[in-house]
Amino acid sequence: MNSKYLVIFEKNPDGGYGAYVPDLPGCVAVGETHTEVSQLIEEAIKFHIEGLLEEGLEIPEPTSIESKLVEI
């Protein structure tokens, strides 16, 4: 499987970063730096998909493949 999932990164005002995958509910990661959370979310996606496969569940197809920043 070679899919591309959208990952949303958020900076915590108190420090650290979070990331989640809208198409894979429950697939999240937190870390002290953007680099760390980037690595952790990649691992989390792989682990999440492996878990779905082990349970015999369907792997969600990526639907959120576009994003846009809006300046106000």
PDB file of N, CA and C in Angstrom:
ATOM      1  N   MET A   1       0.848  -1.182   0.000  1.00  0.00           N
ATOM      2  CA  MET A   1       0.000   0.000   0.000  1.00  0.00           C
ATOM      3  C   MET A   1       0.887   1.238   0.000  1.00  0.00           C
ATOM      4  N   ASN A   2       0.589   2.148  -0.890  1.00  0.00           N
ATOM      5  CA  ASN A   2       1.357   3.379  -0.982  1.00  0.00           C
ATOM      6  C   ASN A   2       0.381   4.548  -1.015  1.00  0.00           C
ATOM      7  N   SER A   3      -0.081   4.954   0.170  1.00  0.00           N
ATOM      8  CA  SER A   3      -1.056   6.034   0.277  1.00  0.00           C
ATOM      9  C   SER A   3      -0.429   7.237   0.956  1.00  0.00           C
ATOM     10  N   LYS A   4      -0.997   8.398   0.695  1.00  0.00           N
ATOM     11  CA  LYS A   4      -0.546   9.630   1.337  1.00  0.00           C
ATOM     12  C   LYS A   4      -1.687  10.174   2.186  1.00  0.00           C
ATOM     13  N   TYR A   5      -1.450  10.249   3.490  1.00  0.00           N
ATOM     14  CA  TYR A   5      -2.446  10.763   4.419  1.00  0.00           C
ATOM     15  C   TYR A   5      -2.063  12.173   4.864  1.00  0.00           C
ATOM     16  N   LEU A   6      -3.049  13.041   4.943  1.00  0.00           N
ATOM     17  CA  LEU A   6      -2.837  14.385   5.453  1.00  0.00           C
ATOM     18  C   LEU A   6      -2.571  14.314   6.953  1.00  0.00           C
ATOM     19  N   VAL A   7      -1.536  15.005   7.408  1.00  0.00           N
ATOM     20  CA  VAL A   7      -1.212  15.100   8.828  1.00  0.00           C
ATOM     21  C   VAL A   7      -1.330  16.567   9.227  1.00  0.00           C
ATOM     22  N   ILE A   8      -2.050  16.820  10.308  1.00  0.00           N
ATOM     23  CA  ILE A   8      -2.201  18.169  10.843  1.00  0.00           C
ATOM     24  C   ILE A   8      -1.244  18.320  12.024  1.00  0.00           C
ATOM     25  N   PHE A   9      -0.390  19.339  11.961  1.00  0.00           N
ATOM     26  CA  PHE A   9       0.553  19.629  13.040  1.00  0.00           C
ATOM     27  C   PHE A   9       0.064  20.859  13.794  1.00  0.00           C
ATOM     28  N   GLU A  10       0.136  20.789  15.121  1.00  0.00           N
ATOM     29  CA  GLU A  10      -0.259  21.921  15.955  1.00  0.00           C
ATOM     30  C   GLU A  10       0.841  22.213  16.964  1.00  0.00           C
ATOM     31  N   LYS A  11       1.133  23.491  17.156  1.00  0.00           N
ATOM     32  CA  LYS A  11       2.097  23.896  18.172  1.00  0.00           C
ATOM     33  C   LYS A  11       1.329  24.243  19.441  1.00  0.00           C
ATOM     34  N   ASN A  12       1.710  23.618  20.537  1.00  0.00           N
ATOM     35  CA  ASN A  12       1.071  23.875  21.820  1.00  0.00           C
ATOM     36  C   ASN A  12       1.620  25.179  22.390  1.00  0.00           C
ATOM     37  N   PRO A  13       0.762  26.099  22.813  1.00  0.00           N
ATOM     38  CA  PRO A  13       1.246  27.371  23.358  1.00  0.00           C
ATOM     39  C   PRO A  13       2.134  27.191  24.592  1.00  0.00           C
ATOM     40  N   ASP A  14       1.964  26.091  25.300  1.00  0.00           N
ATOM     41  CA  ASP A  14       2.764  25.820  26.495  1.00  0.00           C
ATOM     42  C   ASP A  14       4.043  25.057  26.175  1.00  0.00           C
ATOM     43  N   GLY A  15       4.274  24.773  24.895  1.00  0.00           N
ATOM     44  CA  GLY A  15       5.469  24.044  24.467  1.00  0.00           C
ATOM     45  C   GLY A  15       5.117  22.694  23.886  1.00  0.00           C
ATOM     46  N   GLY A  16       5.919  22.245  22.969  1.00  0.00           N
ATOM     47  CA  GLY A  16       5.702  20.955  22.333  1.00  0.00           C
ATOM     48  C   GLY A  16       4.783  21.055  21.128  1.00  0.00           C
ATOM     49  N   TYR A  17       4.610  19.922  20.478  1.00  0.00           N
ATOM     50  CA  TYR A  17       3.817  19.837  19.258  1.00  0.00           C
ATOM     51  C   TYR A  17       2.914  18.613  19.308  1.00  0.00           C
ATOM     52  N   GLY A  18       1.842  18.681  18.564  1.00  0.00           N
ATOM     53  CA  GLY A  18       0.953  17.551  18.392  1.00  0.00           C
ATOM     54  C   GLY A  18       0.691  17.348  16.913  1.00  0.00           C
ATOM     55  N   ALA A  19       0.299  16.133  16.567  1.00  0.00           N
ATOM     56  CA  ALA A  19      -0.044  15.830  15.178  1.00  0.00           C
ATOM     57  C   ALA A  19      -1.151  14.791  15.172  1.00  0.00           C
ATOM     58  N   TYR A  20      -2.031  14.889  14.181  1.00  0.00           N
ATOM     59  CA  TYR A  20      -3.078  13.881  14.027  1.00  0.00           C
ATOM     60  C   TYR A  20      -3.407  13.702  12.553  1.00  0.00           C
ATOM     61  N   VAL A  21      -4.054  12.570  12.262  1.00  0.00           N
ATOM     62  CA  VAL A  21      -4.399  12.208  10.893  1.00  0.00           C
ATOM     63  C   VAL A  21      -5.927  12.155  10.799  1.00  0.00           C
ATOM     64  N   PRO A  22      -6.561  13.142  10.151  1.00  0.00           N
ATOM     65  CA  PRO A  22      -8.022  13.171  10.089  1.00  0.00           C
ATOM     66  C   PRO A  22      -8.654  11.894   9.523  1.00  0.00           C
ATOM     67  N   ASP A  23      -7.989  11.239   8.590  1.00  0.00           N
ATOM     68  CA  ASP A  23      -8.555  10.041   7.970  1.00  0.00           C
ATOM     69  C   ASP A  23      -8.343   8.774   8.797  1.00  0.00           C
ATOM     70  N   LEU A  24      -7.551   8.867   9.866  1.00  0.00           N
ATOM     71  CA  LEU A  24      -7.294   7.719  10.740  1.00  0.00           C
ATOM     72  C   LEU A  24      -7.614   8.130  12.176  1.00  0.00           C
ATOM     73  N   PRO A  25      -8.895   8.140  12.544  1.00  0.00           N
ATOM     74  CA  PRO A  25      -9.280   8.583  13.885  1.00  0.00           C
ATOM     75  C   PRO A  25      -8.499   7.843  14.975  1.00  0.00           C
ATOM     76  N   GLY A  26      -7.990   8.614  15.912  1.00  0.00           N
ATOM     77  CA  GLY A  26      -7.217   8.041  17.008  1.00  0.00           C
ATOM     78  C   GLY A  26      -5.731   7.964  16.735  1.00  0.00           C
ATOM     79  N   CYS A  27      -5.316   8.282  15.526  1.00  0.00           N
ATOM     80  CA  CYS A  27      -3.898   8.239  15.166  1.00  0.00           C
ATOM     81  C   CYS A  27      -3.295   9.606  15.470  1.00  0.00           C
ATOM     82  N   VAL A  28      -2.588   9.679  16.606  1.00  0.00           N
ATOM     83  CA  VAL A  28      -2.039  10.946  17.083  1.00  0.00           C
ATOM     84  C   VAL A  28      -0.614  10.752  17.577  1.00  0.00           C
ATOM     85  N   ALA A  29       0.097  11.856  17.704  1.00  0.00           N
ATOM     86  CA  ALA A  29       1.444  11.835  18.279  1.00  0.00           C
ATOM     87  C   ALA A  29       1.710  13.191  18.913  1.00  0.00           C
ATOM     88  N   VAL A  30       2.523  13.187  19.965  1.00  0.00           N
ATOM     89  CA  VAL A  30       2.969  14.424  20.602  1.00  0.00           C
ATOM     90  C   VAL A  30       4.468  14.348  20.812  1.00  0.00           C
ATOM     91  N   GLY A  31       5.127  15.495  20.765  1.00  0.00           N
ATOM     92  CA  GLY A  31       6.570  15.531  20.958  1.00  0.00           C
ATOM     93  C   GLY A  31       7.031  16.918  21.333  1.00  0.00           C
ATOM     94  N   GLU A  32       8.278  17.007  21.734  1.00  0.00           N
ATOM     95  CA  GLU A  32       8.859  18.280  22.155  1.00  0.00           C
ATOM     96  C   GLU A  32       9.197  19.189  20.978  1.00  0.00           C
ATOM     97  N   THR A  33       9.558  18.599  19.836  1.00  0.00           N
ATOM     98  CA  THR A  33       9.937  19.392  18.667  1.00  0.00           C
ATOM     99  C   THR A  33       9.119  18.954  17.456  1.00  0.00           C
ATOM    100  N   HIS A  34       9.099  19.810  16.440  1.00  0.00           N
ATOM    101  CA  HIS A  34       8.394  19.462  15.204  1.00  0.00           C
ATOM    102  C   HIS A  34       9.029  18.235  14.560  1.00  0.00           C
ATOM    103  N   THR A  35      10.345  18.160  14.595  1.00  0.00           N
ATOM    104  CA  THR A  35      11.050  17.007  14.029  1.00  0.00           C
ATOM    105  C   THR A  35      10.662  15.723  14.746  1.00  0.00           C
ATOM    106  N   GLU A  36      10.626  15.782  16.071  1.00  0.00           N
ATOM    107  CA  GLU A  36      10.263  14.592  16.845  1.00  0.00           C
ATOM    108  C   GLU A  36       8.842  14.144  16.538  1.00  0.00           C
ATOM    109  N   VAL A  37       7.896  15.080  16.535  1.00  0.00           N
ATOM    110  CA  VAL A  37       6.507  14.699  16.298  1.00  0.00           C
ATOM    111  C   VAL A  37       6.315  14.219  14.863  1.00  0.00           C
ATOM    112  N   SER A  38       7.097  14.724  13.915  1.00  0.00           N
ATOM    113  CA  SER A  38       7.024  14.242  12.530  1.00  0.00           C
ATOM    114  C   SER A  38       7.418  12.772  12.446  1.00  0.00           C
ATOM    115  N   GLN A  39       8.481  12.416  13.137  1.00  0.00           N
ATOM    116  CA  GLN A  39       8.920  11.017  13.153  1.00  0.00           C
ATOM    117  C   GLN A  39       7.901  10.136  13.868  1.00  0.00           C
ATOM    118  N   LEU A  40       7.394  10.630  14.998  1.00  0.00           N
ATOM    119  CA  LEU A  40       6.441   9.843  15.781  1.00  0.00           C
ATOM    120  C   LEU A  40       5.130   9.613  15.037  1.00  0.00           C
ATOM    121  N   ILE A  41       4.642  10.612  14.289  1.00  0.00           N
ATOM    122  CA  ILE A  41       3.374  10.420  13.584  1.00  0.00           C
ATOM    123  C   ILE A  41       3.537   9.434  12.434  1.00  0.00           C
ATOM    124  N   GLU A  42       4.705   9.408  11.796  1.00  0.00           N
ATOM    125  CA  GLU A  42       4.937   8.398  10.754  1.00  0.00           C
ATOM    126  C   GLU A  42       4.880   6.998  11.352  1.00  0.00           C
ATOM    127  N   GLU A  43       5.506   6.817  12.510  1.00  0.00           N
ATOM    128  CA  GLU A  43       5.461   5.526  13.199  1.00  0.00           C
ATOM    129  C   GLU A  43       4.033   5.200  13.624  1.00  0.00           C
ATOM    130  N   ALA A  44       3.311   6.213  14.112  1.00  0.00           N
ATOM    131  CA  ALA A  44       1.936   6.005  14.563  1.00  0.00           C
ATOM    132  C   ALA A  44       1.035   5.568  13.412  1.00  0.00           C
ATOM    133  N   ILE A  45       1.221   6.153  12.236  1.00  0.00           N
ATOM    134  CA  ILE A  45       0.417   5.770  11.072  1.00  0.00           C
ATOM    135  C   ILE A  45       0.668   4.308  10.722  1.00  0.00           C
ATOM    136  N   LYS A  46       1.929   3.915  10.667  1.00  0.00           N
ATOM    137  CA  LYS A  46       2.263   2.519  10.351  1.00  0.00           C
ATOM    138  C   LYS A  46       1.671   1.573  11.386  1.00  0.00           C
ATOM    139  N   PHE A  47       1.815   1.921  12.672  1.00  0.00           N
ATOM    140  CA  PHE A  47       1.292   1.091  13.749  1.00  0.00           C
ATOM    141  C   PHE A  47      -0.232   1.011  13.679  1.00  0.00           C
ATOM    142  N   HIS A  48      -0.874   2.132  13.405  1.00  0.00           N
ATOM    143  CA  HIS A  48      -2.332   2.188  13.311  1.00  0.00           C
ATOM    144  C   HIS A  48      -2.839   1.272  12.193  1.00  0.00           C
ATOM    145  N   ILE A  49      -2.203   1.362  11.034  1.00  0.00           N
ATOM    146  CA  ILE A  49      -2.612   0.532   9.897  1.00  0.00           C
ATOM    147  C   ILE A  49      -2.345  -0.943  10.176  1.00  0.00           C
ATOM    148  N   GLU A  50      -1.203  -1.257  10.785  1.00  0.00           N
ATOM    149  CA  GLU A  50      -0.915  -2.651  11.154  1.00  0.00           C
ATOM    150  C   GLU A  50      -1.987  -3.194  12.089  1.00  0.00           C
ATOM    151  N   GLY A  51      -2.408  -2.382  13.051  1.00  0.00           N
ATOM    152  CA  GLY A  51      -3.450  -2.797  13.984  1.00  0.00           C
ATOM    153  C   GLY A  51      -4.772  -3.065  13.284  1.00  0.00           C
ATOM    154  N   LEU A  52      -5.143  -2.197  12.350  1.00  0.00           N
ATOM    155  CA  LEU A  52      -6.377  -2.410  11.596  1.00  0.00           C
ATOM    156  C   LEU A  52      -6.306  -3.713  10.801  1.00  0.00           C
ATOM    157  N   LEU A  53      -5.159  -3.968  10.177  1.00  0.00           N
ATOM    158  CA  LEU A  53      -4.990  -5.200   9.399  1.00  0.00           C
ATOM    159  C   LEU A  53      -5.077  -6.435  10.290  1.00  0.00           C
ATOM    160  N   GLU A  54      -4.435  -6.385  11.460  1.00  0.00           N
ATOM    161  CA  GLU A  54      -4.474  -7.518  12.386  1.00  0.00           C
ATOM    162  C   GLU A  54      -5.888  -7.811  12.856  1.00  0.00           C
ATOM    163  N   GLU A  55      -6.702  -6.766  12.991  1.00  0.00           N
ATOM    164  CA  GLU A  55      -8.086  -6.925  13.429  1.00  0.00           C
ATOM    165  C   GLU A  55      -9.020  -7.277  12.273  1.00  0.00           C
ATOM    166  N   GLY A  56      -8.484  -7.311  11.062  1.00  0.00           N
ATOM    167  CA  GLY A  56      -9.302  -7.621   9.898  1.00  0.00           C
ATOM    168  C   GLY A  56     -10.212  -6.480   9.485  1.00  0.00           C
ATOM    169  N   LEU A  57      -9.857  -5.276   9.882  1.00  0.00           N
ATOM    170  CA  LEU A  57     -10.667  -4.110   9.557  1.00  0.00           C
ATOM    171  C   LEU A  57     -10.168  -3.448   8.279  1.00  0.00           C
ATOM    172  N   GLU A  58     -11.046  -2.690   7.663  1.00  0.00           N
ATOM    173  CA  GLU A  58     -10.715  -2.005   6.412  1.00  0.00           C
ATOM    174  C   GLU A  58      -9.815  -0.799   6.679  1.00  0.00           C
ATOM    175  N   ILE A  59      -8.846  -0.600   5.807  1.00  0.00           N
ATOM    176  CA  ILE A  59      -7.961   0.558   5.896  1.00  0.00           C
ATOM    177  C   ILE A  59      -8.651   1.730   5.201  1.00  0.00           C
ATOM    178  N   PRO A  60      -8.900   2.828   5.920  1.00  0.00           N
ATOM    179  CA  PRO A  60      -9.555   3.975   5.282  1.00  0.00           C
ATOM    180  C   PRO A  60      -8.698   4.555   4.157  1.00  0.00           C
ATOM    181  N   GLU A  61      -9.342   4.858   3.055  1.00  0.00           N
ATOM    182  CA  GLU A  61      -8.656   5.527   1.952  1.00  0.00           C
ATOM    183  C   GLU A  61      -8.457   6.989   2.337  1.00  0.00           C
ATOM    184  N   PRO A  62      -7.334   7.568   1.951  1.00  0.00           N
ATOM    185  CA  PRO A  62      -7.137   8.993   2.236  1.00  0.00           C
ATOM    186  C   PRO A  62      -8.169   9.838   1.499  1.00  0.00           C
ATOM    187  N   THR A  63      -8.805  10.739   2.224  1.00  0.00           N
ATOM    188  CA  THR A  63      -9.765  11.640   1.589  1.00  0.00           C
ATOM    189  C   THR A  63      -9.325  13.086   1.721  1.00  0.00           C
ATOM    190  N   SER A  64      -8.548  13.380   2.737  1.00  0.00           N
ATOM    191  CA  SER A  64      -8.115  14.753   3.010  1.00  0.00           C
ATOM    192  C   SER A  64      -6.760  14.992   2.367  1.00  0.00           C
ATOM    193  N   ILE A  65      -6.760  15.198   1.059  1.00  0.00           N
ATOM    194  CA  ILE A  65      -5.470  15.290   0.383  1.00  0.00           C
ATOM    195  C   ILE A  65      -5.081  16.715   0.015  1.00  0.00           C
ATOM    196  N   GLU A  66      -5.880  17.675   0.449  1.00  0.00           N
ATOM    197  CA  GLU A  66      -5.559  19.057   0.118  1.00  0.00           C
ATOM    198  C   GLU A  66      -5.725  19.922   1.360  1.00  0.00           C
ATOM    199  N   SER A  67      -4.861  20.887   1.505  1.00  0.00           N
ATOM    200  CA  SER A  67      -4.994  21.834   2.607  1.00  0.00           C
ATOM    201  C   SER A  67      -4.667  23.231   2.095  1.00  0.00           C
ATOM    202  N   LYS A  68      -5.096  24.207   2.866  1.00  0.00           N
ATOM    203  CA  LYS A  68      -4.869  25.589   2.457  1.00  0.00           C
ATOM    204  C   LYS A  68      -4.759  26.448   3.710  1.00  0.00           C
ATOM    205  N   LEU A  69      -3.811  27.363   3.717  1.00  0.00           N
ATOM    206  CA  LEU A  69      -3.709  28.342   4.788  1.00  0.00           C
ATOM    207  C   LEU A  69      -4.461  29.589   4.360  1.00  0.00           C
ATOM    208  N   VAL A  70      -5.278  30.110   5.255  1.00  0.00           N
ATOM    209  CA  VAL A  70      -6.053  31.305   4.963  1.00  0.00           C
ATOM    210  C   VAL A  70      -5.561  32.419   5.879  1.00  0.00           C
ATOM    211  N   GLU A  71      -5.091  33.500   5.288  1.00  0.00           N
ATOM    212  CA  GLU A  71      -4.607  34.632   6.078  1.00  0.00           C
ATOM    213  C   GLU A  71      -5.737  35.625   6.283  1.00  0.00           C
ATOM    214  N   ILE A  72      -5.897  36.062   7.519  1.00  0.00           N
ATOM    215  CA  ILE A  72      -6.970  37.016   7.849  1.00  0.00           C
ATOM    216  C   ILE A  72      -6.353  38.245   8.493  1.00  0.00           C
TER     217      ILE A  72
END
